[in-house]
């Protein structure tokens, strides 16, 4: 295989990222030379590795949104790759600023952003493919992944796919799921034990997330702030708290400073952007560097990080709420 035929996949760490990679690889018909799983807020760190990779003809990014800081850092790297003869493809379903799209297209990135479907569907809809593909398999995979990722739950696989891959899972597990799907198996019995274990732990963990709930009224909008729980997917935790506390916005906060924002009908993407993140109008996220003083408080206060990030959001949110 020549270098021009080799390719690299850079994708998100969740099931939509794995599904996107599965469709792209199925379309190609052979495995990539490199595959990398990353989070949008870690793209700058990922690009420190990507810029050293020059043994491929194509690098395909999928299910990875953008913010201004990341855009400014990676644009010159992509330009250099393209000048060096590497094709850059990007498939996403998050909200992009028009300027980012225009600039990426200008430097030669083959970019497809479609908010009407999950990223797996964007790849299925826009990526080039070999003649012999299993269209029924791809269609069903897209339906299953999008059902969960977009919270439609109109396919039986939706809630199970959301739980099958968690963002704190090791890449070895993501690869196992990816390789299974590439065998054109939408589900495998080997997944059952993992799923049963995860659902049992999730049920027992719901009572934990109510221990340290913080409620704030910001411009007439009820915000709830909770600690993330490794046994509950952030969107499920947020939905639970919305129902229990009648909150319109929930911030799910990890002790490492990663924040997932979820809302019923409030556009929280601008808040996430202002804090260095991005995403969808009703499902966004960002990560903050935790000050040393707050880290020192953690052994003595379970809510040190929660309270710190809550105060940052309370401070900045009003100017982005209409």
C-alpha atoms as a PDB file:
ATOM      1  CA  UNK A   1       0.000   0.000   0.000  1.00  0.00           C
ATOM      2  CA  UNK A   2       1.411   3.391  -0.991  1.00  0.00           C
ATOM      3  CA  UNK A   3       1.598   6.310   1.427  1.00  0.00           C
ATOM      4  CA  UNK A   4      -1.172   8.090  -0.467  1.00  0.00           C
ATOM      5  CA  UNK A   5      -3.528   5.169   0.266  1.00  0.00           C
ATOM      6  CA  UNK A   6      -2.819   5.197   3.979  1.00  0.00           C
ATOM      7  CA  UNK A   7      -5.055   7.305   6.149  1.00  0.00           C
ATOM      8  CA  UNK A   8      -5.597   8.417   9.724  1.00  0.00           C
ATOM      9  CA  UNK A   9      -8.854   8.742  11.656  1.00  0.00           C
ATOM     10  CA  UNK A  10      -9.202  11.268  14.494  1.00  0.00           C
ATOM     11  CA  UNK A  11     -12.525  10.920  16.250  1.00  0.00           C
ATOM     12  CA  UNK A  12     -14.466  11.598  19.430  1.00  0.00           C
ATOM     13  CA  UNK A  13     -14.354   9.304  22.443  1.00  0.00           C
ATOM     14  CA  UNK A  14     -18.095   8.557  22.616  1.00  0.00           C
ATOM     15  CA  UNK A  15     -20.270   6.118  20.682  1.00  0.00           C
ATOM     16  CA  UNK A  16     -20.934   8.683  17.960  1.00  0.00           C
ATOM     17  CA  UNK A  17     -17.174   9.006  17.484  1.00  0.00           C
ATOM     18  CA  UNK A  18     -16.780   5.239  17.286  1.00  0.00           C
ATOM     19  CA  UNK A  19     -19.763   4.944  14.939  1.00  0.00           C
ATOM     20  CA  UNK A  20     -18.338   7.677  12.703  1.00  0.00           C
ATOM     21  CA  UNK A  21     -15.025   5.841  12.511  1.00  0.00           C
ATOM     22  CA  UNK A  22     -16.803   2.564  11.767  1.00  0.00           C
ATOM     23  CA  UNK A  23     -18.697   4.026   8.799  1.00  0.00           C
ATOM     24  CA  UNK A  24     -15.586   5.746   7.431  1.00  0.00           C
ATOM     25  CA  UNK A  25     -13.479   2.599   7.690  1.00  0.00           C
ATOM     26  CA  UNK A  26     -16.281   0.502   6.166  1.00  0.00           C
ATOM     27  CA  UNK A  27     -16.412   2.941   3.267  1.00  0.00           C
ATOM     28  CA  UNK A  28     -12.655   2.649   2.780  1.00  0.00           C
ATOM     29  CA  UNK A  29     -12.617  -1.115   3.088  1.00  0.00           C
ATOM     30  CA  UNK A  30      -9.398  -1.353   5.110  1.00  0.00           C
ATOM     31  CA  UNK A  31      -8.085  -0.189   8.471  1.00  0.00           C
ATOM     32  CA  UNK A  32      -6.356   3.169   8.989  1.00  0.00           C
ATOM     33  CA  UNK A  33      -2.634   3.459   9.601  1.00  0.00           C
ATOM     34  CA  UNK A  34      -3.440   5.481  12.722  1.00  0.00           C
ATOM     35  CA  UNK A  35      -6.559   6.020  14.789  1.00  0.00           C
ATOM     36  CA  UNK A  36      -6.864   8.565  17.595  1.00  0.00           C
ATOM     37  CA  UNK A  37      -9.717   9.114  20.042  1.00  0.00           C
ATOM     38  CA  UNK A  38      -9.911  12.566  21.601  1.00  0.00           C
ATOM     39  CA  UNK A  39     -12.222  15.186  23.071  1.00  0.00           C
ATOM     40  CA  UNK A  40     -12.872  18.565  21.406  1.00  0.00           C
ATOM     41  CA  UNK A  41     -11.305  20.388  24.335  1.00  0.00           C
ATOM     42  CA  UNK A  42      -8.169  18.241  23.939  1.00  0.00           C
ATOM     43  CA  UNK A  43      -7.711  18.895  20.227  1.00  0.00           C
ATOM     44  CA  UNK A  44      -4.747  21.211  20.755  1.00  0.00           C
ATOM     45  CA  UNK A  45      -2.924  18.459  22.660  1.00  0.00           C
ATOM     46  CA  UNK A  46      -3.932  15.954  19.987  1.00  0.00           C
ATOM     47  CA  UNK A  47      -2.535  18.201  17.246  1.00  0.00           C
ATOM     48  CA  UNK A  48       0.853  18.249  18.924  1.00  0.00           C
ATOM     49  CA  UNK A  49       0.995  14.572  17.936  1.00  0.00           C
ATOM     50  CA  UNK A  50      -0.865  14.892  14.642  1.00  0.00           C
ATOM     51  CA  UNK A  51       1.541  17.483  13.230  1.00  0.00           C
ATOM     52  CA  UNK A  52       4.333  14.875  13.441  1.00  0.00           C
ATOM     53  CA  UNK A  53       2.406  12.365  11.307  1.00  0.00           C
ATOM     54  CA  UNK A  54       3.318  12.555   7.623  1.00  0.00           C
ATOM     55  CA  UNK A  55       3.086   8.938   6.432  1.00  0.00           C
ATOM     56  CA  UNK A  56      -0.563   9.136   5.291  1.00  0.00           C
ATOM     57  CA  UNK A  57      -2.436  10.545   2.326  1.00  0.00           C
ATOM     58  CA  UNK A  58      -5.563  11.521   4.253  1.00  0.00           C
ATOM     59  CA  UNK A  59      -6.427  12.585   7.789  1.00  0.00           C
ATOM     60  CA  UNK A  60     -10.150  12.431   8.563  1.00  0.00           C
ATOM     61  CA  UNK A  61     -11.593  14.188  11.613  1.00  0.00           C
ATOM     62  CA  UNK A  62     -15.069  13.332  12.859  1.00  0.00           C
ATOM     63  CA  UNK A  63     -17.488  14.311  15.612  1.00  0.00           C
ATOM     64  CA  UNK A  64     -15.104  17.007  16.863  1.00  0.00           C
ATOM     65  CA  UNK A  65     -16.420  20.530  17.316  1.00  0.00           C
ATOM     66  CA  UNK A  66     -14.442  23.763  17.361  1.00  0.00           C
ATOM     67  CA  UNK A  67     -13.767  26.827  19.477  1.00  0.00           C
ATOM     68  CA  UNK A  68     -11.773  29.970  18.678  1.00  0.00           C
ATOM     69  CA  UNK A  69      -8.607  29.008  20.542  1.00  0.00           C
ATOM     70  CA  UNK A  70      -8.488  25.567  18.918  1.00  0.00           C
ATOM     71  CA  UNK A  71      -9.251  27.026  15.495  1.00  0.00           C
ATOM     72  CA  UNK A  72      -6.371  29.501  15.718  1.00  0.00           C
ATOM     73  CA  UNK A  73      -3.937  26.796  16.841  1.00  0.00           C
ATOM     74  CA  UNK A  74      -4.783  24.071  14.335  1.00  0.00           C
ATOM     75  CA  UNK A  75      -5.406  26.128  11.187  1.00  0.00           C
ATOM     76  CA  UNK A  76      -1.683  26.653  10.349  1.00  0.00           C
ATOM     77  CA  UNK A  77      -0.993  22.974  11.031  1.00  0.00           C
ATOM     78  CA  UNK A  78      -3.741  21.939   8.624  1.00  0.00           C
ATOM     79  CA  UNK A  79      -2.414  24.390   6.037  1.00  0.00           C
ATOM     80  CA  UNK A  80       1.026  22.830   6.326  1.00  0.00           C
ATOM     81  CA  UNK A  81      -0.398  19.314   5.971  1.00  0.00           C
ATOM     82  CA  UNK A  82      -2.348  20.308   2.860  1.00  0.00           C
ATOM     83  CA  UNK A  83       0.688  21.996   1.303  1.00  0.00           C
ATOM     84  CA  UNK A  84       2.552  18.767   1.942  1.00  0.00           C
ATOM     85  CA  UNK A  85       0.007  16.816  -0.086  1.00  0.00           C
ATOM     86  CA  UNK A  86      -2.129  15.380   2.720  1.00  0.00           C
ATOM     87  CA  UNK A  87      -5.880  15.522   2.212  1.00  0.00           C
ATOM     88  CA  UNK A  88      -7.833  16.824   5.220  1.00  0.00           C
ATOM     89  CA  UNK A  89     -11.455  15.796   5.723  1.00  0.00           C
ATOM     90  CA  UNK A  90     -13.704  16.941   8.566  1.00  0.00           C
ATOM     91  CA  UNK A  91     -17.176  15.622   9.435  1.00  0.00           C
ATOM     92  CA  UNK A  92     -19.183  17.122  12.282  1.00  0.00           C
ATOM     93  CA  UNK A  93     -22.656  18.004  13.540  1.00  0.00           C
ATOM     94  CA  UNK A  94     -21.846  20.624  16.182  1.00  0.00           C
ATOM     95  CA  UNK A  95     -22.403  24.351  15.696  1.00  0.00           C
ATOM     96  CA  UNK A  96     -19.555  26.059  13.818  1.00  0.00           C
ATOM     97  CA  UNK A  97     -19.031  29.771  13.376  1.00  0.00           C
ATOM     98  CA  UNK A  98     -19.310  30.816   9.740  1.00  0.00           C
ATOM     99  CA  UNK A  99     -15.773  32.232   9.875  1.00  0.00           C
ATOM    100  CA  UNK A 100     -14.273  28.878  10.848  1.00  0.00           C
ATOM    101  CA  UNK A 101     -16.047  27.089   8.000  1.00  0.00           C
ATOM    102  CA  UNK A 102     -15.033  29.753   5.494  1.00  0.00           C
ATOM    103  CA  UNK A 103     -11.381  29.702   6.549  1.00  0.00           C
ATOM    104  CA  UNK A 104     -11.158  25.907   6.554  1.00  0.00           C
ATOM    105  CA  UNK A 105     -12.681  25.728   3.078  1.00  0.00           C
ATOM    106  CA  UNK A 106     -10.315  28.473   1.924  1.00  0.00           C
ATOM    107  CA  UNK A 107      -7.202  26.498   2.899  1.00  0.00           C
ATOM    108  CA  UNK A 108      -8.553  23.360   1.259  1.00  0.00           C
ATOM    109  CA  UNK A 109     -10.182  21.338   4.033  1.00  0.00           C
ATOM    110  CA  UNK A 110     -12.971  19.104   2.732  1.00  0.00           C
ATOM    111  CA  UNK A 111     -15.395  19.947   5.532  1.00  0.00           C
ATOM    112  CA  UNK A 112     -18.966  18.792   6.054  1.00  0.00           C
ATOM    113  CA  UNK A 113     -20.977  20.140   8.986  1.00  0.00           C
ATOM    114  CA  UNK A 114     -24.588  18.994   9.110  1.00  0.00           C
ATOM    115  CA  UNK A 115     -26.599  19.646  12.273  1.00  0.00           C
ATOM    116  CA  UNK A 116     -29.590  17.610  11.122  1.00  0.00           C
ATOM    117  CA  UNK A 117     -28.003  14.287  12.102  1.00  0.00           C
ATOM    118  CA  UNK A 118     -25.347  12.803  14.367  1.00  0.00           C
ATOM    119  CA  UNK A 119     -21.728  12.631  13.205  1.00  0.00           C
ATOM    120  CA  UNK A 120     -22.079   8.984  12.212  1.00  0.00           C
ATOM    121  CA  UNK A 121     -24.796  10.113   9.831  1.00  0.00           C
ATOM    122  CA  UNK A 122     -22.653  12.990   8.531  1.00  0.00           C
ATOM    123  CA  UNK A 123     -19.897  10.549   7.580  1.00  0.00           C
ATOM    124  CA  UNK A 124     -22.435   8.184   6.007  1.00  0.00           C
ATOM    125  CA  UNK A 125     -23.989  11.035   4.031  1.00  0.00           C
ATOM    126  CA  UNK A 126     -20.908  12.871   2.762  1.00  0.00           C
ATOM    127  CA  UNK A 127     -17.809  10.636   2.801  1.00  0.00           C
ATOM    128  CA  UNK A 128     -16.649   9.044  -0.434  1.00  0.00           C
ATOM    129  CA  UNK A 129     -16.871   5.267  -0.492  1.00  0.00           C
ATOM    130  CA  UNK A 130     -15.873   2.218  -2.442  1.00  0.00           C
ATOM    131  CA  UNK A 131     -18.481   0.552  -4.643  1.00  0.00           C
ATOM    132  CA  UNK A 132     -19.090  -2.477  -2.455  1.00  0.00           C
ATOM    133  CA  UNK A 133     -20.584  -1.286   0.837  1.00  0.00           C
ATOM    134  CA  UNK A 134     -23.394  -2.696   2.958  1.00  0.00           C
ATOM    135  CA  UNK A 135     -25.950   0.095   2.763  1.00  0.00           C
ATOM    136  CA  UNK A 136     -28.426  -1.632   5.074  1.00  0.00           C
ATOM    137  CA  UNK A 137     -25.763  -2.062   7.754  1.00  0.00           C
ATOM    138  CA  UNK A 138     -24.692   1.581   7.498  1.00  0.00           C
ATOM    139  CA  UNK A 139     -28.275   2.843   7.619  1.00  0.00           C
ATOM    140  CA  UNK A 140     -29.084   0.777  10.698  1.00  0.00           C
ATOM    141  CA  UNK A 141     -25.864   1.822  12.462  1.00  0.00           C
ATOM    142  CA  UNK A 142     -26.650   5.477  11.788  1.00  0.00           C
ATOM    143  CA  UNK A 143     -30.180   5.074  13.134  1.00  0.00           C
ATOM    144  CA  UNK A 144     -28.946   3.339  16.284  1.00  0.00           C
ATOM    145  CA  UNK A 145     -26.164   5.797  17.064  1.00  0.00           C
ATOM    146  CA  UNK A 146     -28.198   8.922  16.256  1.00  0.00           C
ATOM    147  CA  UNK A 147     -31.101   7.638  18.334  1.00  0.00           C
ATOM    148  CA  UNK A 148     -28.989   7.913  21.456  1.00  0.00           C
ATOM    149  CA  UNK A 149     -26.627  10.742  20.560  1.00  0.00           C
ATOM    150  CA  UNK A 150     -29.453  13.086  19.565  1.00  0.00           C
ATOM    151  CA  UNK A 151     -31.724  11.882  22.382  1.00  0.00           C
ATOM    152  CA  UNK A 152     -34.430  10.802  19.984  1.00  0.00           C
ATOM    153  CA  UNK A 153     -34.614   7.232  21.318  1.00  0.00           C
ATOM    154  CA  UNK A 154     -36.429   6.093  18.203  1.00  0.00           C
ATOM    155  CA  UNK A 155     -34.288   2.972  17.777  1.00  0.00           C
ATOM    156  CA  UNK A 156     -33.783   0.145  20.243  1.00  0.00           C
ATOM    157  CA  UNK A 157     -29.989   0.542  20.181  1.00  0.00           C
ATOM    158  CA  UNK A 158     -30.065   4.216  21.221  1.00  0.00           C
ATOM    159  CA  UNK A 159     -30.056   3.929  25.034  1.00  0.00           C
ATOM    160  CA  UNK A 160     -27.714   0.933  24.956  1.00  0.00           C
ATOM    161  CA  UNK A 161     -25.142   2.565  22.680  1.00  0.00           C
ATOM    162  CA  UNK A 162     -25.049   5.566  25.030  1.00  0.00           C
ATOM    163  CA  UNK A 163     -24.061   3.239  27.842  1.00  0.00           C
ATOM    164  CA  UNK A 164     -21.819   0.928  25.843  1.00  0.00           C
ATOM    165  CA  UNK A 165     -19.049   3.476  25.491  1.00  0.00           C
ATOM    166  CA  UNK A 166     -18.344   5.992  28.218  1.00  0.00           C
ATOM    167  CA  UNK A 167     -15.832   8.790  27.769  1.00  0.00           C
ATOM    168  CA  UNK A 168     -13.658   7.513  30.597  1.00  0.00           C
ATOM    169  CA  UNK A 169     -13.379   4.068  28.991  1.00  0.00           C
ATOM    170  CA  UNK A 170      -9.930   2.996  27.769  1.00  0.00           C
ATOM    171  CA  UNK A 171      -9.214   3.151  24.056  1.00  0.00           C
ATOM    172  CA  UNK A 172      -8.786  -0.623  24.077  1.00  0.00           C
ATOM    173  CA  UNK A 173     -12.531  -0.936  24.770  1.00  0.00           C
ATOM    174  CA  UNK A 174     -13.374   1.569  22.036  1.00  0.00           C
ATOM    175  CA  UNK A 175     -11.270  -0.460  19.614  1.00  0.00           C
ATOM    176  CA  UNK A 176     -13.016  -3.675  20.642  1.00  0.00           C
ATOM    177  CA  UNK A 177     -16.426  -2.126  19.971  1.00  0.00           C
ATOM    178  CA  UNK A 178     -15.173  -0.611  16.703  1.00  0.00           C
ATOM    179  CA  UNK A 179     -13.727  -3.910  15.480  1.00  0.00           C
ATOM    180  CA  UNK A 180     -16.958  -5.717  16.382  1.00  0.00           C
ATOM    181  CA  UNK A 181     -19.055  -3.215  14.430  1.00  0.00           C
ATOM    182  CA  UNK A 182     -16.683  -3.506  11.471  1.00  0.00           C
ATOM    183  CA  UNK A 183     -17.668  -7.172  11.363  1.00  0.00           C
ATOM    184  CA  UNK A 184     -21.114  -5.717  10.512  1.00  0.00           C
ATOM    185  CA  UNK A 185     -22.469  -6.616  13.932  1.00  0.00           C
ATOM    186  CA  UNK A 186     -24.637  -3.872  15.385  1.00  0.00           C
ATOM    187  CA  UNK A 187     -24.603  -5.644  18.722  1.00  0.00           C
ATOM    188  CA  UNK A 188     -22.708  -8.597  20.114  1.00  0.00           C
ATOM    189  CA  UNK A 189     -23.597 -10.834  23.025  1.00  0.00           C
ATOM    190  CA  UNK A 190     -20.187 -10.050  24.521  1.00  0.00           C
ATOM    191  CA  UNK A 191     -21.552  -6.533  25.201  1.00  0.00           C
ATOM    192  CA  UNK A 192     -24.373  -7.825  27.412  1.00  0.00           C
ATOM    193  CA  UNK A 193     -22.430  -8.418  30.619  1.00  0.00           C
ATOM    194  CA  UNK A 194     -20.802  -4.981  30.399  1.00  0.00           C
ATOM    195  CA  UNK A 195     -24.174  -3.345  29.830  1.00  0.00           C
ATOM    196  CA  UNK A 196     -25.893  -5.177  32.707  1.00  0.00           C
ATOM    197  CA  UNK A 197     -23.088  -4.206  35.081  1.00  0.00           C
ATOM    198  CA  UNK A 198     -23.238  -0.579  33.994  1.00  0.00           C
ATOM    199  CA  UNK A 199     -27.013  -0.296  34.327  1.00  0.00           C
ATOM    200  CA  UNK A 200     -26.910  -1.787  37.831  1.00  0.00           C
ATOM    201  CA  UNK A 201     -24.247   0.694  38.945  1.00  0.00           C
ATOM    202  CA  UNK A 202     -26.094   3.551  37.265  1.00  0.00           C
ATOM    203  CA  UNK A 203     -29.321   2.828  39.133  1.00  0.00           C
ATOM    204  CA  UNK A 204     -27.516   2.803  42.482  1.00  0.00           C
ATOM    205  CA  UNK A 205     -25.632   6.009  41.664  1.00  0.00           C
ATOM    206  CA  UNK A 206     -28.607   8.295  41.049  1.00  0.00           C
ATOM    207  CA  UNK A 207     -29.080   8.924  44.754  1.00  0.00           C
ATOM    208  CA  UNK A 208     -25.440  10.046  44.979  1.00  0.00           C
ATOM    209  CA  UNK A 209     -25.738  12.895  42.493  1.00  0.00           C
ATOM    210  CA  UNK A 210     -28.388  14.633  44.616  1.00  0.00           C
ATOM    211  CA  UNK A 211     -26.065  14.957  47.607  1.00  0.00           C
ATOM    212  CA  UNK A 212     -24.371  18.149  46.502  1.00  0.00           C
ATOM    213  CA  UNK A 213     -26.854  19.805  44.126  1.00  0.00           C
ATOM    214  CA  UNK A 214     -26.529  23.575  43.924  1.00  0.00           C
ATOM    215  CA  UNK A 215     -29.443  25.653  42.575  1.00  0.00           C
ATOM    216  CA  UNK A 216     -29.046  29.184  41.220  1.00  0.00           C
ATOM    217  CA  UNK A 217     -31.511  31.551  39.574  1.00  0.00           C
ATOM    218  CA  UNK A 218     -29.675  33.369  36.791  1.00  0.00           C
ATOM    219  CA  UNK A 219     -31.735  35.960  34.903  1.00  0.00           C
ATOM    220  CA  UNK A 220     -34.887  34.076  35.820  1.00  0.00           C
ATOM    221  CA  UNK A 221     -33.520  30.747  34.600  1.00  0.00           C
ATOM    222  CA  UNK A 222     -33.052  27.899  37.085  1.00  0.00           C
ATOM    223  CA  UNK A 223     -29.549  26.428  36.875  1.00  0.00           C
ATOM    224  CA  UNK A 224     -28.567  23.265  38.735  1.00  0.00           C
ATOM    225  CA  UNK A 225     -24.939  22.311  39.393  1.00  0.00           C
ATOM    226  CA  UNK A 226     -23.989  18.728  40.205  1.00  0.00           C
ATOM    227  CA  UNK A 227     -20.890  16.593  40.457  1.00  0.00           C
ATOM    228  CA  UNK A 228     -20.365  14.098  37.665  1.00  0.00           C
ATOM    229  CA  UNK A 229     -20.631  10.418  38.504  1.00  0.00           C
ATOM    230  CA  UNK A 230     -18.576   7.846  36.652  1.00  0.00           C
ATOM    231  CA  UNK A 231     -21.499   5.433  36.562  1.00  0.00           C
ATOM    232  CA  UNK A 232     -24.010   7.837  34.964  1.00  0.00           C
ATOM    233  CA  UNK A 233     -23.704   9.332  31.501  1.00  0.00           C
ATOM    234  CA  UNK A 234     -23.787  13.118  31.852  1.00  0.00           C
ATOM    235  CA  UNK A 235     -26.917  13.574  29.752  1.00  0.00           C
ATOM    236  CA  UNK A 236     -28.813  11.034  31.878  1.00  0.00           C
ATOM    237  CA  UNK A 237     -27.630  12.734  35.079  1.00  0.00           C
ATOM    238  CA  UNK A 238     -28.729  16.135  33.756  1.00  0.00           C
ATOM    239  CA  UNK A 239     -32.139  14.856  32.677  1.00  0.00           C
ATOM    240  CA  UNK A 240     -32.665  13.309  36.110  1.00  0.00           C
ATOM    241  CA  UNK A 241     -31.839  16.556  37.907  1.00  0.00           C
ATOM    242  CA  UNK A 242     -33.975  18.604  35.516  1.00  0.00           C
ATOM    243  CA  UNK A 243     -36.946  16.441  36.451  1.00  0.00           C
ATOM    244  CA  UNK A 244     -36.199  16.356  40.181  1.00  0.00           C
ATOM    245  CA  UNK A 245     -35.358  20.048  40.604  1.00  0.00           C
ATOM    246  CA  UNK A 246     -37.373  21.589  37.770  1.00  0.00           C
ATOM    247  CA  UNK A 247     -34.143  23.060  36.412  1.00  0.00           C
ATOM    248  CA  UNK A 248     -33.851  24.480  32.915  1.00  0.00           C
ATOM    249  CA  UNK A 249     -30.045  24.166  32.746  1.00  0.00           C
ATOM    250  CA  UNK A 250     -27.781  21.607  34.419  1.00  0.00           C
ATOM    251  CA  UNK A 251     -24.002  21.774  34.692  1.00  0.00           C
ATOM    252  CA  UNK A 252     -22.399  18.385  35.309  1.00  0.00           C
ATOM    253  CA  UNK A 253     -18.969  19.080  36.782  1.00  0.00           C
ATOM    254  CA  UNK A 254     -16.000  16.752  37.237  1.00  0.00           C
ATOM    255  CA  UNK A 255     -13.252  17.217  39.817  1.00  0.00           C
ATOM    256  CA  UNK A 256     -10.808  17.584  36.912  1.00  0.00           C
ATOM    257  CA  UNK A 257     -12.636  20.703  35.692  1.00  0.00           C
ATOM    258  CA  UNK A 258     -14.534  19.204  32.781  1.00  0.00           C
ATOM    259  CA  UNK A 259     -18.092  20.534  32.489  1.00  0.00           C
ATOM    260  CA  UNK A 260     -21.072  19.269  30.491  1.00  0.00           C
ATOM    261  CA  UNK A 261     -23.924  21.740  30.056  1.00  0.00           C
ATOM    262  CA  UNK A 262     -27.401  20.481  29.235  1.00  0.00           C
ATOM    263  CA  UNK A 263     -30.608  22.475  28.827  1.00  0.00           C
ATOM    264  CA  UNK A 264     -34.250  22.092  27.946  1.00  0.00           C
ATOM    265  CA  UNK A 265     -34.682  25.157  25.757  1.00  0.00           C
ATOM    266  CA  UNK A 266     -31.889  27.559  26.736  1.00  0.00           C
ATOM    267  CA  UNK A 267     -29.021  28.148  24.291  1.00  0.00           C
ATOM    268  CA  UNK A 268     -26.035  27.315  26.500  1.00  0.00           C
ATOM    269  CA  UNK A 269     -23.476  27.029  23.684  1.00  0.00           C
ATOM    270  CA  UNK A 270     -22.471  30.686  24.005  1.00  0.00           C
ATOM    271  CA  UNK A 271     -21.705  30.165  27.690  1.00  0.00           C
ATOM    272  CA  UNK A 272     -19.567  27.150  26.821  1.00  0.00           C
ATOM    273  CA  UNK A 273     -17.780  29.127  24.076  1.00  0.00           C
ATOM    274  CA  UNK A 274     -17.019  31.971  26.467  1.00  0.00           C
ATOM    275  CA  UNK A 275     -15.337  29.464  28.766  1.00  0.00           C
ATOM    276  CA  UNK A 276     -13.265  27.858  26.001  1.00  0.00           C
ATOM    277  CA  UNK A 277     -15.642  25.140  24.822  1.00  0.00           C
ATOM    278  CA  UNK A 278     -18.527  24.667  22.425  1.00  0.00           C
ATOM    279  CA  UNK A 279     -21.049  22.140  21.162  1.00  0.00           C
ATOM    280  CA  UNK A 280     -24.772  22.270  20.499  1.00  0.00           C
ATOM    281  CA  UNK A 281     -27.335  24.882  21.600  1.00  0.00           C
ATOM    282  CA  UNK A 282     -28.727  22.504  24.235  1.00  0.00           C
ATOM    283  CA  UNK A 283     -25.727  20.220  24.857  1.00  0.00           C
ATOM    284  CA  UNK A 284     -22.312  21.818  25.175  1.00  0.00           C
ATOM    285  CA  UNK A 285     -19.185  21.526  27.244  1.00  0.00           C
ATOM    286  CA  UNK A 286     -15.892  23.036  28.253  1.00  0.00           C
ATOM    287  CA  UNK A 287     -12.951  22.408  30.566  1.00  0.00           C
ATOM    288  CA  UNK A 288     -11.392  24.816  33.037  1.00  0.00           C
ATOM    289  CA  UNK A 289      -7.969  24.723  34.620  1.00  0.00           C
ATOM    290  CA  UNK A 290      -8.480  24.427  38.348  1.00  0.00           C
ATOM    291  CA  UNK A 291      -6.411  26.943  40.387  1.00  0.00           C
ATOM    292  CA  UNK A 292      -3.887  25.519  42.836  1.00  0.00           C
ATOM    293  CA  UNK A 293      -5.732  26.981  45.813  1.00  0.00           C
ATOM    294  CA  UNK A 294      -8.899  25.105  44.849  1.00  0.00           C
ATOM    295  CA  UNK A 295      -6.926  21.885  44.344  1.00  0.00           C
ATOM    296  CA  UNK A 296      -5.499  22.270  47.828  1.00  0.00           C
ATOM    297  CA  UNK A 297      -9.030  22.547  49.213  1.00  0.00           C
ATOM    298  CA  UNK A 298     -10.208  19.318  47.547  1.00  0.00           C
ATOM    299  CA  UNK A 299      -9.037  16.920  50.317  1.00  0.00           C
ATOM    300  CA  UNK A 300     -11.068  18.919  52.834  1.00  0.00           C
ATOM    301  CA  UNK A 301     -14.115  19.799  50.707  1.00  0.00           C
ATOM    302  CA  UNK A 302     -16.026  17.501  48.377  1.00  0.00           C
ATOM    303  CA  UNK A 303     -17.506  20.521  46.617  1.00  0.00           C
ATOM    304  CA  UNK A 304     -14.442  22.760  46.192  1.00  0.00           C
ATOM    305  CA  UNK A 305     -14.285  22.314  42.411  1.00  0.00           C
ATOM    306  CA  UNK A 306     -18.071  22.270  42.030  1.00  0.00           C
ATOM    307  CA  UNK A 307     -18.395  25.585  43.843  1.00  0.00           C
ATOM    308  CA  UNK A 308     -15.494  27.180  41.979  1.00  0.00           C
ATOM    309  CA  UNK A 309     -16.894  26.321  38.534  1.00  0.00           C
ATOM    310  CA  UNK A 310     -20.425  27.198  39.592  1.00  0.00           C
ATOM    311  CA  UNK A 311     -19.247  30.669  40.560  1.00  0.00           C
ATOM    312  CA  UNK A 312     -17.483  31.095  37.205  1.00  0.00           C
ATOM    313  CA  UNK A 313     -20.666  30.167  35.346  1.00  0.00           C
ATOM    314  CA  UNK A 314     -22.835  32.406  37.545  1.00  0.00           C
ATOM    315  CA  UNK A 315     -20.441  35.268  36.862  1.00  0.00           C
ATOM    316  CA  UNK A 316     -20.308  34.911  33.086  1.00  0.00           C
ATOM    317  CA  UNK A 317     -23.724  33.449  32.156  1.00  0.00           C
ATOM    318  CA  UNK A 318     -25.968  36.564  32.455  1.00  0.00           C
ATOM    319  CA  UNK A 319     -24.447  38.309  29.426  1.00  0.00           C
ATOM    320  CA  UNK A 320     -25.231  35.288  27.230  1.00  0.00           C
ATOM    321  CA  UNK A 321     -28.821  34.753  28.339  1.00  0.00           C
ATOM    322  CA  UNK A 322     -31.462  36.700  26.466  1.00  0.00           C
END
